[in-house]
Amino acid sequence: MSHLDQVAVITGGSTGIGFSIAEELIRKGAKRVYITGRTEKTLNEAQEKLGEKALTIVSDVSKLSDVEKIKGIIEEEGYSLDMIFANAGIAEKNTFGQTTPEEFDRTFNINVKGVFFTVQTLMGLLKNEGNIVLTGSIVGNKGMPNLSLYNASKAAVRSFARSWASDLKERKIRVNSISPGMTYTPIMKNGLKMDDAELTALKEFAVSAVPAARIAAPEEIARAAVFLSSRDASYINGIEFTIDGGYSQI
């Protein structure tokens, strides 16, 4: 079991990729997995599915006081961290030329500020030779229309992985980012506001545009993230691990 008796925190861990990361870590022997999210009901549902090795924390990573709360709860339990998965994020469409400051702040406060201060705040609890995995997106390298805020925020996340791999060299902490492609998660409906017809169209597009000929499942992305946090990835550092079925490669 590659993560036997290890301790991890996953922001945005109640659904989608974050929840699947939690499942995979527990399956691989983790003794404590902290998952955070903004909605208590969704967190409670995740807790029931994950069992006693998980602990849920209601937290909005755009609020520094909430990030400090995560740190305080981990300290109260007496744990240090083996892994930080900075996964919390939102995806909302914006129209360039009509985008409001409020839209800008909402995306960047969660996707950029939230990632930065989550990792910085929890760094003191992370063991030397620990691991940090950031959730980016292939859109950080593409100019997807009507998503310029989301695209740019994920480009920043990818840059954090490069920078922190250098900053944390002396502590031998590895920092990597994952960049999923089209993945079926609640963010498609809740964030991008895709209806059933749009989801069907996206699935049909994936069949023709993606060499794998389909959209990814969250657990496929999670397995890659967990691999990066394992000893099997001991010489992988500062990279962007693209998991998109080959979409961005052709």
C-alpha atoms as a PDB file:
ATOM      1  CA  MET A   1       0.000   0.000   0.000  1.00  0.00           C
ATOM      2  CA  SER A   2       1.809   3.067  -1.309  1.00  0.00           C
ATOM      3  CA  HIS A   3       0.342   5.561   1.176  1.00  0.00           C
ATOM      4  CA  LEU A   4       0.217   3.414   4.310  1.00  0.00           C
ATOM      5  CA  ASP A   5      -0.319   5.479   7.479  1.00  0.00           C
ATOM      6  CA  GLN A   6       0.075   8.774   5.629  1.00  0.00           C
ATOM      7  CA  VAL A   7      -1.873  11.975   6.247  1.00  0.00           C
ATOM      8  CA  ALA A   8      -3.254  14.256   3.548  1.00  0.00           C
ATOM      9  CA  VAL A   9      -5.399  17.338   3.136  1.00  0.00           C
ATOM     10  CA  ILE A  10      -7.500  17.856   0.010  1.00  0.00           C
ATOM     11  CA  THR A  11      -9.218  21.172  -0.608  1.00  0.00           C
ATOM     12  CA  GLY A  12     -12.368  20.891  -2.659  1.00  0.00           C
ATOM     13  CA  GLY A  13     -12.577  17.266  -1.629  1.00  0.00           C
ATOM     14  CA  SER A  14     -16.306  16.678  -1.297  1.00  0.00           C
ATOM     15  CA  THR A  15     -17.068  15.930  -4.959  1.00  0.00           C
ATOM     16  CA  GLY A  16     -15.437  15.289  -8.309  1.00  0.00           C
ATOM     17  CA  ILE A  17     -11.685  14.896  -8.613  1.00  0.00           C
ATOM     18  CA  GLY A  18     -11.006  15.851  -4.987  1.00  0.00           C
ATOM     19  CA  PHE A  19     -13.401  13.236  -3.644  1.00  0.00           C
ATOM     20  CA  SER A  20     -11.885  10.600  -5.923  1.00  0.00           C
ATOM     21  CA  ILE A  21      -8.409  11.509  -4.641  1.00  0.00           C
ATOM     22  CA  ALA A  22      -9.652  10.954  -1.090  1.00  0.00           C
ATOM     23  CA  GLU A  23     -11.104   7.566  -2.039  1.00  0.00           C
ATOM     24  CA  GLU A  24      -7.873   6.508  -3.719  1.00  0.00           C
ATOM     25  CA  LEU A  25      -5.693   7.590  -0.778  1.00  0.00           C
ATOM     26  CA  ILE A  26      -7.820   5.672   1.702  1.00  0.00           C
ATOM     27  CA  ARG A  27      -7.756   2.635  -0.553  1.00  0.00           C
ATOM     28  CA  LYS A  28      -3.974   2.860  -0.589  1.00  0.00           C
ATOM     29  CA  GLY A  29      -3.679   2.923   3.194  1.00  0.00           C
ATOM     30  CA  ALA A  30      -3.803   6.572   4.294  1.00  0.00           C
ATOM     31  CA  LYS A  31      -4.674   6.856   7.982  1.00  0.00           C
ATOM     32  CA  ARG A  32      -6.178  10.358   7.900  1.00  0.00           C
ATOM     33  CA  VAL A  33      -7.547  12.360   4.984  1.00  0.00           C
ATOM     34  CA  TYR A  34      -8.883  15.866   5.595  1.00  0.00           C
ATOM     35  CA  ILE A  35     -11.291  17.098   2.939  1.00  0.00           C
ATOM     36  CA  THR A  36     -12.573  20.640   2.716  1.00  0.00           C
ATOM     37  CA  GLY A  37     -15.468  22.252   0.909  1.00  0.00           C
ATOM     38  CA  ARG A  38     -17.883  25.143   1.152  1.00  0.00           C
ATOM     39  CA  THR A  39     -21.116  23.152   1.557  1.00  0.00           C
ATOM     40  CA  GLU A  40     -21.751  21.222   4.768  1.00  0.00           C
ATOM     41  CA  LYS A  41     -24.404  18.969   3.239  1.00  0.00           C
ATOM     42  CA  THR A  42     -22.098  17.812   0.446  1.00  0.00           C
ATOM     43  CA  LEU A  43     -19.262  17.274   2.909  1.00  0.00           C
ATOM     44  CA  ASN A  44     -21.507  15.170   5.150  1.00  0.00           C
ATOM     45  CA  GLU A  45     -22.433  12.991   2.182  1.00  0.00           C
ATOM     46  CA  ALA A  46     -18.745  12.565   1.348  1.00  0.00           C
ATOM     47  CA  GLN A  47     -17.958  11.685   4.967  1.00  0.00           C
ATOM     48  CA  GLU A  48     -20.534   8.891   4.933  1.00  0.00           C
ATOM     49  CA  LYS A  49     -19.019   7.403   1.793  1.00  0.00           C
ATOM     50  CA  LEU A  50     -15.384   7.722   2.888  1.00  0.00           C
ATOM     51  CA  GLY A  51     -15.742   6.493   6.451  1.00  0.00           C
ATOM     52  CA  GLU A  52     -13.856   7.184   9.649  1.00  0.00           C
ATOM     53  CA  LYS A  53     -10.447   7.808   8.075  1.00  0.00           C
ATOM     54  CA  ALA A  54     -11.793  11.018   6.545  1.00  0.00           C
ATOM     55  CA  LEU A  55     -12.514  14.252   8.391  1.00  0.00           C
ATOM     56  CA  THR A  56     -14.491  17.013   6.721  1.00  0.00           C
ATOM     57  CA  ILE A  57     -13.896  20.721   7.256  1.00  0.00           C
ATOM     58  CA  VAL A  58     -16.278  23.431   6.054  1.00  0.00           C
ATOM     59  CA  SER A  59     -13.956  25.982   4.509  1.00  0.00           C
ATOM     60  CA  ASP A  60     -13.846  28.564   1.733  1.00  0.00           C
ATOM     61  CA  VAL A  61     -10.229  28.794   0.563  1.00  0.00           C
ATOM     62  CA  SER A  62     -10.751  32.363  -0.656  1.00  0.00           C
ATOM     63  CA  LYS A  63     -11.038  33.385   3.021  1.00  0.00           C
ATOM     64  CA  LEU A  64      -7.733  33.341   4.875  1.00  0.00           C
ATOM     65  CA  SER A  65      -9.496  32.800   8.204  1.00  0.00           C
ATOM     66  CA  ASP A  66     -11.001  29.586   6.829  1.00  0.00           C
ATOM     67  CA  VAL A  67      -7.598  28.386   5.649  1.00  0.00           C
ATOM     68  CA  GLU A  68      -6.231  29.059   9.138  1.00  0.00           C
ATOM     69  CA  LYS A  69      -9.135  26.995  10.493  1.00  0.00           C
ATOM     70  CA  ILE A  70      -7.962  24.017   8.425  1.00  0.00           C
ATOM     71  CA  LYS A  71      -4.502  24.358   9.927  1.00  0.00           C
ATOM     72  CA  GLY A  72      -5.894  24.634  13.447  1.00  0.00           C
ATOM     73  CA  ILE A  73      -7.996  21.478  13.161  1.00  0.00           C
ATOM     74  CA  ILE A  74      -5.046  19.447  11.889  1.00  0.00           C
ATOM     75  CA  GLU A  75      -2.883  20.782  14.713  1.00  0.00           C
ATOM     76  CA  GLU A  76      -5.569  19.932  17.280  1.00  0.00           C
ATOM     77  CA  GLU A  77      -5.544  16.330  16.093  1.00  0.00           C
ATOM     78  CA  GLY A  78      -1.764  16.256  16.470  1.00  0.00           C
ATOM     79  CA  TYR A  79      -0.941  15.325  12.891  1.00  0.00           C
ATOM     80  CA  SER A  80       1.695  16.511  10.476  1.00  0.00           C
ATOM     81  CA  LEU A  81       1.052  16.233   6.752  1.00  0.00           C
ATOM     82  CA  ASP A  82       2.612  13.981   4.149  1.00  0.00           C
ATOM     83  CA  MET A  83       0.663  15.551   1.290  1.00  0.00           C
ATOM     84  CA  ILE A  84      -1.227  18.682   0.329  1.00  0.00           C
ATOM     85  CA  PHE A  85      -3.657  18.500  -2.585  1.00  0.00           C
ATOM     86  CA  ALA A  86      -4.644  22.077  -3.482  1.00  0.00           C
ATOM     87  CA  ASN A  87      -7.629  21.103  -5.569  1.00  0.00           C
ATOM     88  CA  ALA A  88     -10.394  23.606  -4.749  1.00  0.00           C
ATOM     89  CA  GLY A  89     -11.426  25.739  -7.689  1.00  0.00           C
ATOM     90  CA  ILE A  90     -14.310  27.108  -9.695  1.00  0.00           C
ATOM     91  CA  ALA A  91     -14.974  27.298 -13.430  1.00  0.00           C
ATOM     92  CA  GLU A  92     -17.291  30.051 -14.591  1.00  0.00           C
ATOM     93  CA  LYS A  93     -17.776  31.475 -18.056  1.00  0.00           C
ATOM     94  CA  ASN A  94     -16.997  35.135 -18.650  1.00  0.00           C
ATOM     95  CA  THR A  95     -17.453  37.315 -21.709  1.00  0.00           C
ATOM     96  CA  PHE A  96     -14.419  39.464 -22.453  1.00  0.00           C
ATOM     97  CA  GLY A  97     -15.585  43.064 -22.795  1.00  0.00           C
ATOM     98  CA  GLN A  98     -18.430  42.521 -20.347  1.00  0.00           C
ATOM     99  CA  THR A  99     -16.615  40.921 -17.409  1.00  0.00           C
ATOM    100  CA  THR A 100     -17.167  42.589 -14.038  1.00  0.00           C
ATOM    101  CA  PRO A 101     -14.586  43.103 -11.282  1.00  0.00           C
ATOM    102  CA  GLU A 102     -16.735  40.828  -9.122  1.00  0.00           C
ATOM    103  CA  GLU A 103     -16.414  37.986 -11.641  1.00  0.00           C
ATOM    104  CA  PHE A 104     -12.665  38.530 -11.825  1.00  0.00           C
ATOM    105  CA  ASP A 105     -12.242  38.532  -8.060  1.00  0.00           C
ATOM    106  CA  ARG A 106     -14.418  35.460  -7.549  1.00  0.00           C
ATOM    107  CA  THR A 107     -12.328  33.314  -9.903  1.00  0.00           C
ATOM    108  CA  PHE A 108      -8.927  34.601  -8.833  1.00  0.00           C
ATOM    109  CA  ASN A 109      -9.713  34.633  -5.113  1.00  0.00           C
ATOM    110  CA  ILE A 110     -10.495  30.911  -5.178  1.00  0.00           C
ATOM    111  CA  ASN A 111      -8.334  29.550  -7.992  1.00  0.00           C
ATOM    112  CA  VAL A 112      -5.169  31.600  -7.411  1.00  0.00           C
ATOM    113  CA  LYS A 113      -5.230  33.313  -4.017  1.00  0.00           C
ATOM    114  CA  GLY A 114      -6.866  30.246  -2.482  1.00  0.00           C
ATOM    115  CA  VAL A 115      -4.224  27.870  -3.830  1.00  0.00           C
ATOM    116  CA  PHE A 116      -1.345  30.150  -2.835  1.00  0.00           C
ATOM    117  CA  PHE A 117      -2.442  30.737   0.745  1.00  0.00           C
ATOM    118  CA  THR A 118      -3.638  27.184   1.308  1.00  0.00           C
ATOM    119  CA  VAL A 119      -0.169  25.871   0.549  1.00  0.00           C
ATOM    120  CA  GLN A 120       1.655  28.696   2.322  1.00  0.00           C
ATOM    121  CA  THR A 121      -0.476  28.338   5.458  1.00  0.00           C
ATOM    122  CA  LEU A 122      -0.140  24.548   5.654  1.00  0.00           C
ATOM    123  CA  MET A 123       3.570  24.450   4.803  1.00  0.00           C
ATOM    124  CA  GLY A 124       4.539  24.417   8.462  1.00  0.00           C
ATOM    125  CA  LEU A 125       2.635  21.149   8.936  1.00  0.00           C
ATOM    126  CA  LEU A 126       4.109  19.450   5.864  1.00  0.00           C
ATOM    127  CA  LYS A 127       6.945  17.033   6.526  1.00  0.00           C
ATOM    128  CA  ASN A 128      10.298  17.389   4.823  1.00  0.00           C
ATOM    129  CA  GLU A 129      10.252  15.207   1.691  1.00  0.00           C
ATOM    130  CA  GLY A 130       6.490  15.683   1.564  1.00  0.00           C
ATOM    131  CA  ASN A 131       4.431  16.270  -1.556  1.00  0.00           C
ATOM    132  CA  ILE A 132       2.235  18.994  -2.972  1.00  0.00           C
ATOM    133  CA  VAL A 133      -0.104  18.368  -5.903  1.00  0.00           C
ATOM    134  CA  LEU A 134      -1.941  21.293  -7.494  1.00  0.00           C
ATOM    135  CA  THR A 135      -4.992  20.905  -9.709  1.00  0.00           C
ATOM    136  CA  GLY A 136      -4.618  22.897 -12.898  1.00  0.00           C
ATOM    137  CA  SER A 137      -6.234  22.324 -16.285  1.00  0.00           C
ATOM    138  CA  ILE A 138      -5.263  21.979 -19.916  1.00  0.00           C
ATOM    139  CA  VAL A 139      -6.958  25.341 -20.485  1.00  0.00           C
ATOM    140  CA  GLY A 140      -3.944  26.973 -18.834  1.00  0.00           C
ATOM    141  CA  ASN A 141      -2.164  26.343 -22.129  1.00  0.00           C
ATOM    142  CA  LYS A 142      -5.098  27.003 -24.450  1.00  0.00           C
ATOM    143  CA  GLY A 143      -7.240  30.023 -25.275  1.00  0.00           C
ATOM    144  CA  MET A 144     -10.654  28.517 -24.665  1.00  0.00           C
ATOM    145  CA  PRO A 145     -13.361  31.066 -25.606  1.00  0.00           C
ATOM    146  CA  ASN A 146     -15.453  32.743 -22.913  1.00  0.00           C
ATOM    147  CA  LEU A 147     -13.194  31.299 -20.216  1.00  0.00           C
ATOM    148  CA  SER A 148     -10.349  33.812 -20.091  1.00  0.00           C
ATOM    149  CA  LEU A 149     -10.490  34.173 -16.296  1.00  0.00           C
ATOM    150  CA  TYR A 150     -10.495  30.427 -15.725  1.00  0.00           C
ATOM    151  CA  ASN A 151      -7.782  29.888 -18.344  1.00  0.00           C
ATOM    152  CA  ALA A 152      -5.502  32.479 -16.751  1.00  0.00           C
ATOM    153  CA  SER A 153      -6.126  31.239 -13.219  1.00  0.00           C
ATOM    154  CA  LYS A 154      -5.048  27.729 -14.176  1.00  0.00           C
ATOM    155  CA  ALA A 155      -1.942  29.075 -15.932  1.00  0.00           C
ATOM    156  CA  ALA A 156      -1.029  30.659 -12.594  1.00  0.00           C
ATOM    157  CA  VAL A 157      -1.452  27.324 -10.821  1.00  0.00           C
ATOM    158  CA  ARG A 158       0.918  25.670 -13.256  1.00  0.00           C
ATOM    159  CA  SER A 159       3.469  28.450 -12.593  1.00  0.00           C
ATOM    160  CA  PHE A 160       3.169  27.900  -8.833  1.00  0.00           C
ATOM    161  CA  ALA A 161       4.298  24.289  -9.295  1.00  0.00           C
ATOM    162  CA  ARG A 162       7.452  25.396 -11.097  1.00  0.00           C
ATOM    163  CA  SER A 163       8.243  28.145  -8.615  1.00  0.00           C
ATOM    164  CA  TRP A 164       7.580  26.171  -5.448  1.00  0.00           C
ATOM    165  CA  ALA A 165       9.590  23.181  -6.660  1.00  0.00           C
ATOM    166  CA  SER A 166      12.543  25.569  -6.601  1.00  0.00           C
ATOM    167  CA  ASP A 167      11.545  27.385  -3.401  1.00  0.00           C
ATOM    168  CA  LEU A 168      11.195  24.123  -1.452  1.00  0.00           C
ATOM    169  CA  LYS A 169      14.303  22.431  -2.768  1.00  0.00           C
ATOM    170  CA  GLU A 170      16.103  22.514   0.584  1.00  0.00           C
ATOM    171  CA  ARG A 171      13.245  20.662   2.268  1.00  0.00           C
ATOM    172  CA  LYS A 172      13.125  18.078  -0.538  1.00  0.00           C
ATOM    173  CA  ILE A 173       9.434  18.726  -1.002  1.00  0.00           C
ATOM    174  CA  ARG A 174       8.157  17.864  -4.465  1.00  0.00           C
ATOM    175  CA  VAL A 175       5.547  20.080  -6.104  1.00  0.00           C
ATOM    176  CA  ASN A 176       3.679  19.005  -9.224  1.00  0.00           C
ATOM    177  CA  SER A 177       0.509  20.006 -11.022  1.00  0.00           C
ATOM    178  CA  ILE A 178      -2.086  17.904 -12.784  1.00  0.00           C
ATOM    179  CA  SER A 179      -3.850  19.271 -15.841  1.00  0.00           C
ATOM    180  CA  PRO A 180      -7.031  17.346 -16.571  1.00  0.00           C
ATOM    181  CA  GLY A 181      -8.826  17.607 -19.862  1.00  0.00           C
ATOM    182  CA  MET A 182     -12.558  17.111 -20.258  1.00  0.00           C
ATOM    183  CA  THR A 183     -13.681  15.348 -17.081  1.00  0.00           C
ATOM    184  CA  TYR A 184     -17.222  14.689 -15.951  1.00  0.00           C
ATOM    185  CA  THR A 185     -17.579  16.438 -12.578  1.00  0.00           C
ATOM    186  CA  PRO A 186     -20.290  18.546 -10.875  1.00  0.00           C
ATOM    187  CA  ILE A 187     -18.428  21.698 -11.963  1.00  0.00           C
ATOM    188  CA  MET A 188     -19.846  21.216 -15.458  1.00  0.00           C
ATOM    189  CA  LYS A 189     -23.385  21.855 -14.239  1.00  0.00           C
ATOM    190  CA  ASN A 190     -22.761  23.934 -11.130  1.00  0.00           C
ATOM    191  CA  GLY A 191     -20.006  26.177 -12.482  1.00  0.00           C
ATOM    192  CA  LEU A 192     -20.191  26.157 -16.263  1.00  0.00           C
ATOM    193  CA  LYS A 193     -24.014  25.846 -16.119  1.00  0.00           C
ATOM    194  CA  MET A 194     -24.112  23.168 -18.806  1.00  0.00           C
ATOM    195  CA  ASP A 195     -27.525  21.642 -19.412  1.00  0.00           C
ATOM    196  CA  ASP A 196     -28.145  18.058 -20.501  1.00  0.00           C
ATOM    197  CA  ALA A 197     -28.069  18.972 -24.194  1.00  0.00           C
ATOM    198  CA  GLU A 198     -24.704  20.720 -23.804  1.00  0.00           C
ATOM    199  CA  LEU A 199     -23.268  17.774 -21.893  1.00  0.00           C
ATOM    200  CA  THR A 200     -24.417  15.417 -24.619  1.00  0.00           C
ATOM    201  CA  ALA A 201     -22.813  17.654 -27.246  1.00  0.00           C
ATOM    202  CA  LEU A 202     -19.558  17.705 -25.271  1.00  0.00           C
ATOM    203  CA  LYS A 203     -19.517  13.926 -25.047  1.00  0.00           C
ATOM    204  CA  GLU A 204     -20.070  13.696 -28.797  1.00  0.00           C
ATOM    205  CA  PHE A 205     -17.279  16.210 -29.383  1.00  0.00           C
ATOM    206  CA  ALA A 206     -14.931  14.146 -27.222  1.00  0.00           C
ATOM    207  CA  VAL A 207     -15.587  11.057 -29.324  1.00  0.00           C
ATOM    208  CA  SER A 208     -14.300  12.860 -32.405  1.00  0.00           C
ATOM    209  CA  ALA A 209     -11.647  15.184 -30.917  1.00  0.00           C
ATOM    210  CA  VAL A 210     -10.004  13.106 -28.185  1.00  0.00           C
ATOM    211  CA  PRO A 211      -7.819  10.129 -29.155  1.00  0.00           C
ATOM    212  CA  ALA A 212      -9.286   8.250 -26.183  1.00  0.00           C
ATOM    213  CA  ALA A 213     -12.702   9.018 -27.736  1.00  0.00           C
ATOM    214  CA  ARG A 214     -14.443   9.942 -24.485  1.00  0.00           C
ATOM    215  CA  ILE A 215     -14.559  12.238 -21.463  1.00  0.00           C
ATOM    216  CA  ALA A 216     -12.541  11.219 -18.392  1.00  0.00           C
ATOM    217  CA  ALA A 217     -13.995   9.947 -15.140  1.00  0.00           C
ATOM    218  CA  PRO A 218     -12.810  11.724 -11.954  1.00  0.00           C
ATOM    219  CA  GLU A 219     -11.146   8.581 -10.614  1.00  0.00           C
ATOM    220  CA  GLU A 220      -8.853   8.473 -13.658  1.00  0.00           C
ATOM    221  CA  ILE A 221      -7.552  11.932 -12.808  1.00  0.00           C
ATOM    222  CA  ALA A 222      -7.319  11.018  -9.126  1.00  0.00           C
ATOM    223  CA  ARG A 223      -5.097   8.014  -9.787  1.00  0.00           C
ATOM    224  CA  ALA A 224      -2.600  10.256 -11.565  1.00  0.00           C
ATOM    225  CA  ALA A 225      -2.631  12.787  -8.718  1.00  0.00           C
ATOM    226  CA  VAL A 226      -2.084  10.094  -6.104  1.00  0.00           C
ATOM    227  CA  PHE A 227       0.748   8.602  -8.160  1.00  0.00           C
ATOM    228  CA  LEU A 228       2.530  11.980  -8.150  1.00  0.00           C
ATOM    229  CA  SER A 229       2.318  12.028  -4.344  1.00  0.00           C
ATOM    230  CA  SER A 230       3.836   8.558  -4.010  1.00  0.00           C
ATOM    231  CA  ARG A 231       7.388   7.273  -3.665  1.00  0.00           C
ATOM    232  CA  ASP A 232       7.037   5.812  -7.155  1.00  0.00           C
ATOM    233  CA  ALA A 233       7.229   9.409  -8.428  1.00  0.00           C
ATOM    234  CA  SER A 234      10.258  10.314  -6.303  1.00  0.00           C
ATOM    235  CA  TYR A 235      12.205  11.967  -9.157  1.00  0.00           C
ATOM    236  CA  ILE A 236       9.263  13.839 -10.652  1.00  0.00           C
ATOM    237  CA  ASN A 237       9.204  17.484  -9.612  1.00  0.00           C
ATOM    238  CA  GLY A 238       7.846  20.760 -10.963  1.00  0.00           C
ATOM    239  CA  ILE A 239       5.962  19.160 -13.834  1.00  0.00           C
ATOM    240  CA  GLU A 240       2.574  19.574 -15.410  1.00  0.00           C
ATOM    241  CA  PHE A 241       1.055  16.097 -15.693  1.00  0.00           C
ATOM    242  CA  THR A 242      -1.494  16.301 -18.497  1.00  0.00           C
ATOM    243  CA  ILE A 243      -4.353  13.798 -18.292  1.00  0.00           C
ATOM    244  CA  ASP A 244      -6.613  14.485 -21.236  1.00  0.00           C
ATOM    245  CA  GLY A 245      -6.808  11.331 -23.325  1.00  0.00           C
ATOM    246  CA  GLY A 246      -4.389  12.876 -25.826  1.00  0.00           C
ATOM    247  CA  TYR A 247      -6.611  15.866 -26.685  1.00  0.00           C
ATOM    248  CA  SER A 248      -3.897  18.529 -26.326  1.00  0.00           C
ATOM    249  CA  GLN A 249      -1.269  16.442 -28.099  1.00  0.00           C
ATOM    250  CA  ILE A 250      -2.816  16.324 -31.562  1.00  0.00           C
END
